[in-house]
Amino acid sequence: PFYLKKCNQWNDLNELIKEAISLNLEDR
């Protein structure tokens, strides 16, 4: 995977999704 992170809480999940999308956009 280009990006892989783990968490076990809903709030953390939302933040990881935002981070993943942001890094993906930088990789264009």
PDB file of all heavy atoms in Angstrom:
ATOM      1  N   PRO A   1       0.825  -1.217   0.000  1.00  0.00           N
ATOM      2  CA  PRO A   1       0.000   0.000   0.000  1.00  0.00           C
ATOM      3  C   PRO A   1       0.857   1.264   0.000  1.00  0.00           C
ATOM      4  O   PRO A   1       1.915   1.323   0.638  1.00  0.00           O
ATOM      5  CB  PRO A   1      -0.793  -0.100   1.304  1.00  0.00           C
ATOM      6  CG  PRO A   1      -0.738  -1.544   1.678  1.00  0.00           C
ATOM      7  CD  PRO A   1       0.561  -2.063   1.155  1.00  0.00           C
ATOM      8  N   PHE A   2       0.402   2.254  -0.732  1.00  0.00           N
ATOM      9  CA  PHE A   2       1.043   3.570  -0.767  1.00  0.00           C
ATOM     10  C   PHE A   2       0.914   4.233   0.606  1.00  0.00           C
ATOM     11  O   PHE A   2       1.806   4.938   1.071  1.00  0.00           O
ATOM     12  CB  PHE A   2       0.365   4.417  -1.848  1.00  0.00           C
ATOM     13  CG  PHE A   2       0.704   5.875  -1.828  1.00  0.00           C
ATOM     14  CD1 PHE A   2       1.947   6.317  -2.220  1.00  0.00           C
ATOM     15  CD2 PHE A   2      -0.232   6.814  -1.403  1.00  0.00           C
ATOM     16  CE1 PHE A   2       2.264   7.671  -2.193  1.00  0.00           C
ATOM     17  CE2 PHE A   2       0.077   8.161  -1.378  1.00  0.00           C
ATOM     18  CZ  PHE A   2       1.330   8.598  -1.775  1.00  0.00           C
ATOM     19  N   TYR A   3      -0.218   4.003   1.266  1.00  0.00           N
ATOM     20  CA  TYR A   3      -0.514   4.564   2.588  1.00  0.00           C
ATOM     21  C   TYR A   3      -1.196   3.481   3.399  1.00  0.00           C
ATOM     22  O   TYR A   3      -2.089   2.802   2.891  1.00  0.00           O
ATOM     23  CB  TYR A   3      -1.439   5.773   2.429  1.00  0.00           C
ATOM     24  CG  TYR A   3      -1.957   6.365   3.722  1.00  0.00           C
ATOM     25  CD1 TYR A   3      -1.324   7.454   4.304  1.00  0.00           C
ATOM     26  CD2 TYR A   3      -3.081   5.847   4.356  1.00  0.00           C
ATOM     27  CE1 TYR A   3      -1.799   8.012   5.483  1.00  0.00           C
ATOM     28  CE2 TYR A   3      -3.559   6.399   5.544  1.00  0.00           C
ATOM     29  CZ  TYR A   3      -2.917   7.482   6.094  1.00  0.00           C
ATOM     30  OH  TYR A   3      -3.382   8.024   7.262  1.00  0.00           O
ATOM     31  N   LEU A   4      -0.786   3.300   4.652  1.00  0.00           N
ATOM     32  CA  LEU A   4      -1.439   2.331   5.538  1.00  0.00           C
ATOM     33  C   LEU A   4      -1.285   2.784   6.982  1.00  0.00           C
ATOM     34  O   LEU A   4      -0.162   2.953   7.466  1.00  0.00           O
ATOM     35  CB  LEU A   4      -0.838   0.939   5.370  1.00  0.00           C
ATOM     36  CG  LEU A   4      -1.321  -0.135   6.344  1.00  0.00           C
ATOM     37  CD1 LEU A   4      -2.821  -0.390   6.174  1.00  0.00           C
ATOM     38  CD2 LEU A   4      -0.545  -1.420   6.146  1.00  0.00           C
ATOM     39  N   LYS A   5      -2.417   3.037   7.623  1.00  0.00           N
ATOM     40  CA  LYS A   5      -2.417   3.368   9.048  1.00  0.00           C
ATOM     41  C   LYS A   5      -3.601   2.676   9.701  1.00  0.00           C
ATOM     42  O   LYS A   5      -4.581   2.336   9.045  1.00  0.00           O
ATOM     43  CB  LYS A   5      -2.491   4.869   9.275  1.00  0.00           C
ATOM     44  CG  LYS A   5      -1.194   5.576   8.911  1.00  0.00           C
ATOM     45  CD  LYS A   5      -1.065   6.890   9.595  1.00  0.00           C
ATOM     46  CE  LYS A   5       0.270   7.524   9.235  1.00  0.00           C
ATOM     47  NZ  LYS A   5       0.373   8.888   9.736  1.00  0.00           N
ATOM     48  N   LYS A   6      -3.486   2.495  11.013  1.00  0.00           N
ATOM     49  CA  LYS A   6      -4.510   1.783  11.771  1.00  0.00           C
ATOM     50  C   LYS A   6      -4.964   2.611  12.962  1.00  0.00           C
ATOM     51  O   LYS A   6      -4.198   3.419  13.488  1.00  0.00           O
ATOM     52  CB  LYS A   6      -3.951   0.451  12.272  1.00  0.00           C
ATOM     53  CG  LYS A   6      -3.465  -0.441  11.162  1.00  0.00           C
ATOM     54  CD  LYS A   6      -2.738  -1.644  11.705  1.00  0.00           C
ATOM     55  CE  LYS A   6      -2.169  -2.452  10.554  1.00  0.00           C
ATOM     56  NZ  LYS A   6      -1.358  -3.567  11.026  1.00  0.00           N
ATOM     57  N   CYS A   7      -6.220   2.377  13.372  1.00  0.00           N
ATOM     58  CA  CYS A   7      -6.764   3.017  14.562  1.00  0.00           C
ATOM     59  C   CYS A   7      -7.926   2.175  15.068  1.00  0.00           C
ATOM     60  O   CYS A   7      -8.349   1.233  14.398  1.00  0.00           O
ATOM     61  CB  CYS A   7      -7.223   4.445  14.258  1.00  0.00           C
ATOM     62  SG  CYS A   7      -8.625   4.539  13.120  1.00  0.00           S
ATOM     63  N   ASN A   8      -8.438   2.516  16.244  1.00  0.00           N
ATOM     64  CA  ASN A   8      -9.574   1.750  16.758  1.00  0.00           C
ATOM     65  C   ASN A   8     -10.687   2.635  17.313  1.00  0.00           C
ATOM     66  O   ASN A   8     -11.505   2.172  18.107  1.00  0.00           O
ATOM     67  CB  ASN A   8      -9.125   0.711  17.792  1.00  0.00           C
ATOM     68  CG  ASN A   8      -8.435   1.340  18.978  1.00  0.00           C
ATOM     69  OD1 ASN A   8      -8.396   2.557  19.109  1.00  0.00           O
ATOM     70  ND2 ASN A   8      -7.877   0.524  19.840  1.00  0.00           N
ATOM     71  N   GLN A   9     -10.731   3.890  16.894  1.00  0.00           N
ATOM     72  CA  GLN A   9     -11.779   4.815  17.328  1.00  0.00           C
ATOM     73  C   GLN A   9     -12.344   5.558  16.125  1.00  0.00           C
ATOM     74  O   GLN A   9     -11.630   5.859  15.170  1.00  0.00           O
ATOM     75  CB  GLN A   9     -11.226   5.831  18.340  1.00  0.00           C
ATOM     76  CG  GLN A   9     -10.701   5.210  19.611  1.00  0.00           C
ATOM     77  CD  GLN A   9     -11.781   4.497  20.383  1.00  0.00           C
ATOM     78  OE1 GLN A   9     -12.907   4.979  20.496  1.00  0.00           O
ATOM     79  NE2 GLN A   9     -11.442   3.336  20.931  1.00  0.00           N
ATOM     80  N   TRP A  10     -13.642   5.896  16.203  1.00  0.00           N
ATOM     81  CA  TRP A  10     -14.312   6.599  15.102  1.00  0.00           C
ATOM     82  C   TRP A  10     -13.661   7.938  14.774  1.00  0.00           C
ATOM     83  O   TRP A  10     -13.446   8.258  13.608  1.00  0.00           O
ATOM     84  CB  TRP A  10     -15.790   6.828  15.420  1.00  0.00           C
ATOM     85  CG  TRP A  10     -16.589   5.574  15.472  1.00  0.00           C
ATOM     86  CD1 TRP A  10     -17.173   5.016  16.581  1.00  0.00           C
ATOM     87  CD2 TRP A  10     -16.904   4.692  14.387  1.00  0.00           C
ATOM     88  NE1 TRP A  10     -17.824   3.849  16.237  1.00  0.00           N
ATOM     89  CE2 TRP A  10     -17.680   3.633  14.894  1.00  0.00           C
ATOM     90  CE3 TRP A  10     -16.607   4.709  13.031  1.00  0.00           C
ATOM     91  CZ2 TRP A  10     -18.156   2.606  14.108  1.00  0.00           C
ATOM     92  CZ3 TRP A  10     -17.085   3.676  12.234  1.00  0.00           C
ATOM     93  CH2 TRP A  10     -17.848   2.642  12.768  1.00  0.00           C
ATOM     94  N   ASN A  11     -13.340   8.737  15.786  1.00  0.00           N
ATOM     95  CA  ASN A  11     -12.748  10.059  15.534  1.00  0.00           C
ATOM     96  C   ASN A  11     -11.395   9.936  14.835  1.00  0.00           C
ATOM     97  O   ASN A  11     -11.078  10.710  13.938  1.00  0.00           O
ATOM     98  CB  ASN A  11     -12.591  10.847  16.825  1.00  0.00           C
ATOM     99  CG  ASN A  11     -13.916  11.308  17.383  1.00  0.00           C
ATOM    100  OD1 ASN A  11     -14.906  11.403  16.670  1.00  0.00           O
ATOM    101  ND2 ASN A  11     -13.946  11.582  18.668  1.00  0.00           N
ATOM    102  N   ASP A  12     -10.617   8.956  15.264  1.00  0.00           N
ATOM    103  CA  ASP A  12      -9.315   8.734  14.638  1.00  0.00           C
ATOM    104  C   ASP A  12      -9.482   8.285  13.186  1.00  0.00           C
ATOM    105  O   ASP A  12      -8.699   8.670  12.322  1.00  0.00           O
ATOM    106  CB  ASP A  12      -8.516   7.684  15.412  1.00  0.00           C
ATOM    107  CG  ASP A  12      -8.156   8.144  16.813  1.00  0.00           C
ATOM    108  OD1 ASP A  12      -8.137   9.366  17.067  1.00  0.00           O
ATOM    109  OD2 ASP A  12      -7.907   7.272  17.670  1.00  0.00           O
ATOM    110  N   LEU A  13     -10.504   7.474  12.932  1.00  0.00           N
ATOM    111  CA  LEU A  13     -10.753   7.005  11.572  1.00  0.00           C
ATOM    112  C   LEU A  13     -11.004   8.173  10.627  1.00  0.00           C
ATOM    113  O   LEU A  13     -10.433   8.235   9.533  1.00  0.00           O
ATOM    114  CB  LEU A  13     -11.942   6.038  11.551  1.00  0.00           C
ATOM    115  CG  LEU A  13     -12.352   5.517  10.169  1.00  0.00           C
ATOM    116  CD1 LEU A  13     -11.208   4.745   9.520  1.00  0.00           C
ATOM    117  CD2 LEU A  13     -13.599   4.659  10.288  1.00  0.00           C
ATOM    118  N   ASN A  14     -11.824   9.091  11.039  1.00  0.00           N
ATOM    119  CA  ASN A  14     -12.116  10.262  10.206  1.00  0.00           C
ATOM    120  C   ASN A  14     -10.839  11.034   9.879  1.00  0.00           C
ATOM    121  O   ASN A  14     -10.617  11.444   8.740  1.00  0.00           O
ATOM    122  CB  ASN A  14     -13.137  11.157  10.901  1.00  0.00           C
ATOM    123  CG  ASN A  14     -13.704  12.194   9.973  1.00  0.00           C
ATOM    124  OD1 ASN A  14     -14.033  11.918   8.836  1.00  0.00           O
ATOM    125  ND2 ASN A  14     -13.816  13.419  10.467  1.00  0.00           N
ATOM    126  N   GLU A  15      -9.985  11.210  10.870  1.00  0.00           N
ATOM    127  CA  GLU A  15      -8.729  11.938  10.652  1.00  0.00           C
ATOM    128  C   GLU A  15      -7.791  11.178   9.715  1.00  0.00           C
ATOM    129  O   GLU A  15      -7.128  11.786   8.875  1.00  0.00           O
ATOM    130  CB  GLU A  15      -8.039  12.232  11.989  1.00  0.00           C
ATOM    131  CG  GLU A  15      -8.807  13.211  12.856  1.00  0.00           C
ATOM    132  CD  GLU A  15      -9.145  14.508  12.135  1.00  0.00           C
ATOM    133  OE1 GLU A  15      -8.231  15.122  11.526  1.00  0.00           O
ATOM    134  OE2 GLU A  15     -10.322  14.909  12.155  1.00  0.00           O
ATOM    135  N   LEU A  16      -7.729   9.852   9.860  1.00  0.00           N
ATOM    136  CA  LEU A  16      -6.865   9.073   8.967  1.00  0.00           C
ATOM    137  C   LEU A  16      -7.357   9.106   7.526  1.00  0.00           C
ATOM    138  O   LEU A  16      -6.555   9.130   6.593  1.00  0.00           O
ATOM    139  CB  LEU A  16      -6.771   7.618   9.450  1.00  0.00           C
ATOM    140  CG  LEU A  16      -5.962   7.372  10.714  1.00  0.00           C
ATOM    141  CD1 LEU A  16      -5.882   5.881  11.011  1.00  0.00           C
ATOM    142  CD2 LEU A  16      -4.572   7.983  10.622  1.00  0.00           C
ATOM    143  N   ILE A  17      -8.672   9.098   7.342  1.00  0.00           N
ATOM    144  CA  ILE A  17      -9.218   9.192   5.986  1.00  0.00           C
ATOM    145  C   ILE A  17      -8.821  10.526   5.354  1.00  0.00           C
ATOM    146  O   ILE A  17      -8.363  10.578   4.211  1.00  0.00           O
ATOM    147  CB  ILE A  17     -10.745   9.023   5.986  1.00  0.00           C
ATOM    148  CG1 ILE A  17     -11.113   7.592   6.387  1.00  0.00           C
ATOM    149  CG2 ILE A  17     -11.332   9.367   4.616  1.00  0.00           C
ATOM    150  CD1 ILE A  17     -12.586   7.381   6.658  1.00  0.00           C
ATOM    151  N   LYS A  18      -8.968  11.601   6.108  1.00  0.00           N
ATOM    152  CA  LYS A  18      -8.587  12.927   5.599  1.00  0.00           C
ATOM    153  C   LYS A  18      -7.092  12.975   5.272  1.00  0.00           C
ATOM    154  O   LYS A  18      -6.689  13.523   4.240  1.00  0.00           O
ATOM    155  CB  LYS A  18      -8.944  14.007   6.613  1.00  0.00           C
ATOM    156  CG  LYS A  18     -10.436  14.238   6.746  1.00  0.00           C
ATOM    157  CD  LYS A  18     -10.713  15.263   7.808  1.00  0.00           C
ATOM    158  CE  LYS A  18     -12.202  15.466   8.022  1.00  0.00           C
ATOM    159  NZ  LYS A  18     -12.473  16.406   9.123  1.00  0.00           N
ATOM    160  N   GLU A  19      -6.256  12.403   6.143  1.00  0.00           N
ATOM    161  CA  GLU A  19      -4.817  12.384   5.918  1.00  0.00           C
ATOM    162  C   GLU A  19      -4.470  11.578   4.667  1.00  0.00           C
ATOM    163  O   GLU A  19      -3.661  12.011   3.840  1.00  0.00           O
ATOM    164  CB  GLU A  19      -4.119  11.777   7.138  1.00  0.00           C
ATOM    165  CG  GLU A  19      -2.614  11.685   6.997  1.00  0.00           C
ATOM    166  CD  GLU A  19      -1.982  11.056   8.217  1.00  0.00           C
ATOM    167  OE1 GLU A  19      -1.762  11.778   9.209  1.00  0.00           O
ATOM    168  OE2 GLU A  19      -1.704   9.836   8.182  1.00  0.00           O
ATOM    169  N   ALA A  20      -5.095  10.417   4.514  1.00  0.00           N
ATOM    170  CA  ALA A  20      -4.833   9.565   3.352  1.00  0.00           C
ATOM    171  C   ALA A  20      -5.196  10.279   2.056  1.00  0.00           C
ATOM    172  O   ALA A  20      -4.427  10.256   1.089  1.00  0.00           O
ATOM    173  CB  ALA A  20      -5.614   8.257   3.478  1.00  0.00           C
ATOM    174  N   ILE A  21      -6.343  10.917   2.043  1.00  0.00           N
ATOM    175  CA  ILE A  21      -6.774  11.636   0.838  1.00  0.00           C
ATOM    176  C   ILE A  21      -5.830  12.790   0.532  1.00  0.00           C
ATOM    177  O   ILE A  21      -5.457  13.024  -0.611  1.00  0.00           O
ATOM    178  CB  ILE A  21      -8.231  12.114   0.982  1.00  0.00           C
ATOM    179  CG1 ILE A  21      -9.172  10.908   0.969  1.00  0.00           C
ATOM    180  CG2 ILE A  21      -8.600  13.093  -0.121  1.00  0.00           C
ATOM    181  CD1 ILE A  21     -10.591  11.236   1.324  1.00  0.00           C
ATOM    182  N   SER A  22      -5.406  13.497   1.565  1.00  0.00           N
ATOM    183  CA  SER A  22      -4.481  14.617   1.378  1.00  0.00           C
ATOM    184  C   SER A  22      -3.150  14.140   0.799  1.00  0.00           C
ATOM    185  O   SER A  22      -2.632  14.734  -0.145  1.00  0.00           O
ATOM    186  CB  SER A  22      -4.256  15.312   2.727  1.00  0.00           C
ATOM    187  OG  SER A  22      -3.308  16.327   2.594  1.00  0.00           O
ATOM    188  N   LEU A  23      -2.592  13.055   1.327  1.00  0.00           N
ATOM    189  CA  LEU A  23      -1.333  12.510   0.802  1.00  0.00           C
ATOM    190  C   LEU A  23      -1.515  11.998  -0.625  1.00  0.00           C
ATOM    191  O   LEU A  23      -0.617  12.126  -1.455  1.00  0.00           O
ATOM    192  CB  LEU A  23      -0.812  11.404   1.707  1.00  0.00           C
ATOM    193  CG  LEU A  23      -0.249  11.870   3.036  1.00  0.00           C
ATOM    194  CD1 LEU A  23       0.078  10.678   3.933  1.00  0.00           C
ATOM    195  CD2 LEU A  23       0.976  12.742   2.830  1.00  0.00           C
ATOM    196  N   ASN A  24      -2.670  11.401  -0.892  1.00  0.00           N
ATOM    197  CA  ASN A  24      -2.952  10.918  -2.236  1.00  0.00           C
ATOM    198  C   ASN A  24      -2.960  12.076  -3.234  1.00  0.00           C
ATOM    199  O   ASN A  24      -2.432  11.961  -4.327  1.00  0.00           O
ATOM    200  CB  ASN A  24      -4.300  10.184  -2.273  1.00  0.00           C
ATOM    201  CG  ASN A  24      -4.645   9.705  -3.648  1.00  0.00           C
ATOM    202  OD1 ASN A  24      -4.044   8.792  -4.169  1.00  0.00           O
ATOM    203  ND2 ASN A  24      -5.617  10.351  -4.272  1.00  0.00           N
ATOM    204  N   LEU A  25      -3.544  13.192  -2.857  1.00  0.00           N
ATOM    205  CA  LEU A  25      -3.593  14.356  -3.743  1.00  0.00           C
ATOM    206  C   LEU A  25      -2.205  14.907  -4.020  1.00  0.00           C
ATOM    207  O   LEU A  25      -1.929  15.399  -5.103  1.00  0.00           O
ATOM    208  CB  LEU A  25      -4.494  15.439  -3.145  1.00  0.00           C
ATOM    209  CG  LEU A  25      -5.992  15.099  -3.092  1.00  0.00           C
ATOM    210  CD1 LEU A  25      -6.748  16.181  -2.331  1.00  0.00           C
ATOM    211  CD2 LEU A  25      -6.558  14.911  -4.474  1.00  0.00           C
ATOM    212  N   GLU A  26      -1.311  14.826  -3.018  1.00  0.00           N
ATOM    213  CA  GLU A  26       0.059  15.324  -3.191  1.00  0.00           C
ATOM    214  C   GLU A  26       0.862  14.436  -4.139  1.00  0.00           C
ATOM    215  O   GLU A  26       1.859  14.867  -4.693  1.00  0.00           O
ATOM    216  CB  GLU A  26       0.760  15.378  -1.838  1.00  0.00           C
ATOM    217  CG  GLU A  26       0.205  16.422  -0.908  1.00  0.00           C
ATOM    218  CD  GLU A  26       0.804  16.358   0.487  1.00  0.00           C
ATOM    219  OE1 GLU A  26       1.770  15.589   0.702  1.00  0.00           O
ATOM    220  OE2 GLU A  26       0.305  17.064   1.358  1.00  0.00           O
ATOM    221  N   ASP A  27       0.414  13.193  -4.316  1.00  0.00           N
ATOM    222  CA  ASP A  27       1.167  12.202  -5.105  1.00  0.00           C
ATOM    223  C   ASP A  27       0.809  12.235  -6.587  1.00  0.00           C
ATOM    224  O   ASP A  27       1.191  11.364  -7.332  1.00  0.00           O
ATOM    225  CB  ASP A  27       0.897  10.798  -4.545  1.00  0.00           C
ATOM    226  CG  ASP A  27       1.732   9.742  -5.250  1.00  0.00           C
ATOM    227  OD1 ASP A  27       2.962   9.890  -5.282  1.00  0.00           O
ATOM    228  OD2 ASP A  27       1.139   8.798  -5.792  1.00  0.00           O
ATOM    229  N   ARG A  28       0.090  13.186  -7.046  1.00  0.00           N
ATOM    230  CA  ARG A  28      -0.359  13.225  -8.457  1.00  0.00           C
ATOM    231  C   ARG A  28       0.775  13.334  -9.418  1.00  0.00           C
ATOM    232  O   ARG A  28       1.771  13.810  -9.337  1.00  0.00           O
ATOM    233  CB  ARG A  28      -1.326  14.377  -8.668  1.00  0.00           C
ATOM    234  CG  ARG A  28      -2.626  14.061  -8.011  1.00  0.00           C
ATOM    235  CD  ARG A  28      -3.624  15.137  -8.292  1.00  0.00           C
ATOM    236  NE  ARG A  28      -4.907  14.664  -7.799  1.00  0.00           N
ATOM    237  CZ  ARG A  28      -6.055  14.990  -8.301  1.00  0.00           C
ATOM    238  NH1 ARG A  28      -6.111  15.782  -9.312  1.00  0.00           N
ATOM    239  NH2 ARG A  28      -7.154  14.527  -7.805  1.00  0.00           N
TER     240      ARG A  28
END
